[in-house]
Amino acid sequence: MDREFKFNLDQRVTITESGESGDVIGRAEYSKSENHYFIRYKAGDGRATQDWWGESALHAA
């Protein structure tokens, strides 16, 4: 299955549930799952962090 990525590398995105924003620093595609993005962001408690998020959990900032 060939799906286009919704977000570009270095694009600013927001995690929908928490409102935290960060930058896309990696992307992954899977045959049986939605696209995922590795986001570097500042967590709500002020810590710098990075984690993988599914495309449906993000929106453009």
Protein backbone atom coordinates (compact mmCIF):
# COMPACT_ATOMS: atom_id res chain seq x y z
CA MET A 1 0.00 0.00 0.00
CA ASP A 2 1.47 3.34 -1.05
CA ARG A 3 0.29 6.19 1.18
CA GLU A 4 1.63 9.70 1.09
CA PHE A 5 2.86 11.29 4.27
CA LYS A 6 0.59 14.01 5.66
CA PHE A 7 3.49 15.86 7.34
CA ASN A 8 6.96 16.77 6.06
CA LEU A 9 10.30 16.46 7.83
CA ASP A 10 11.04 19.58 9.93
CA GLN A 11 7.34 20.55 9.86
CA ARG A 12 5.85 21.91 13.09
CA VAL A 13 2.95 19.76 14.35
CA THR A 14 0.74 19.67 17.43
CA ILE A 15 -0.24 16.60 19.42
CA THR A 16 -4.03 16.85 19.32
CA GLU A 17 -4.78 15.44 22.78
CA SER A 18 -2.25 17.46 24.79
CA GLY A 19 -1.73 20.59 22.70
CA GLU A 20 2.07 20.16 22.85
CA SER A 21 3.89 21.20 19.68
CA GLY A 22 7.12 19.99 18.16
CA ASP A 23 9.00 19.25 14.97
CA VAL A 24 8.89 16.14 12.78
CA ILE A 25 12.39 14.64 12.85
CA GLY A 26 11.54 11.22 11.40
CA ARG A 27 8.81 9.33 9.54
CA ALA A 28 7.87 5.67 9.16
CA GLU A 29 5.39 3.83 6.99
CA TYR A 30 3.93 0.40 7.64
CA SER A 31 1.97 -2.02 5.49
CA LYS A 32 -0.75 -2.61 8.10
CA SER A 33 -0.80 0.61 10.13
CA GLU A 34 -1.05 4.36 9.70
CA ASN A 35 2.06 6.45 9.05
CA HIS A 36 4.02 7.41 12.18
CA TYR A 37 6.15 10.45 12.95
CA PHE A 38 9.05 10.92 15.34
CA ILE A 39 8.40 14.25 17.06
CA ARG A 40 10.85 16.27 19.17
CA TYR A 41 8.88 18.53 21.51
CA LYS A 42 8.77 20.22 24.90
CA ALA A 43 6.50 18.23 27.23
CA GLY A 44 3.91 19.94 29.40
CA ASP A 45 6.21 19.69 32.42
CA GLY A 46 9.02 21.49 30.58
CA ARG A 47 11.16 18.47 29.70
CA ALA A 48 12.63 18.12 26.22
CA THR A 49 11.46 14.80 24.81
CA GLN A 50 10.89 12.89 21.58
CA ASP A 51 8.55 10.05 20.71
CA TRP A 52 6.72 8.30 17.87
CA TRP A 53 3.11 9.39 17.20
CA GLY A 54 0.53 8.05 14.75
CA GLU A 55 -0.68 10.39 12.02
CA SER A 56 -4.19 10.48 13.50
CA ALA A 57 -2.80 11.91 16.79
CA LEU A 58 -1.27 14.97 15.10
CA HIS A 59 -2.31 18.09 13.25
CA ALA A 60 -0.35 20.89 11.57
CA ALA A 61 0.69 23.67 13.94
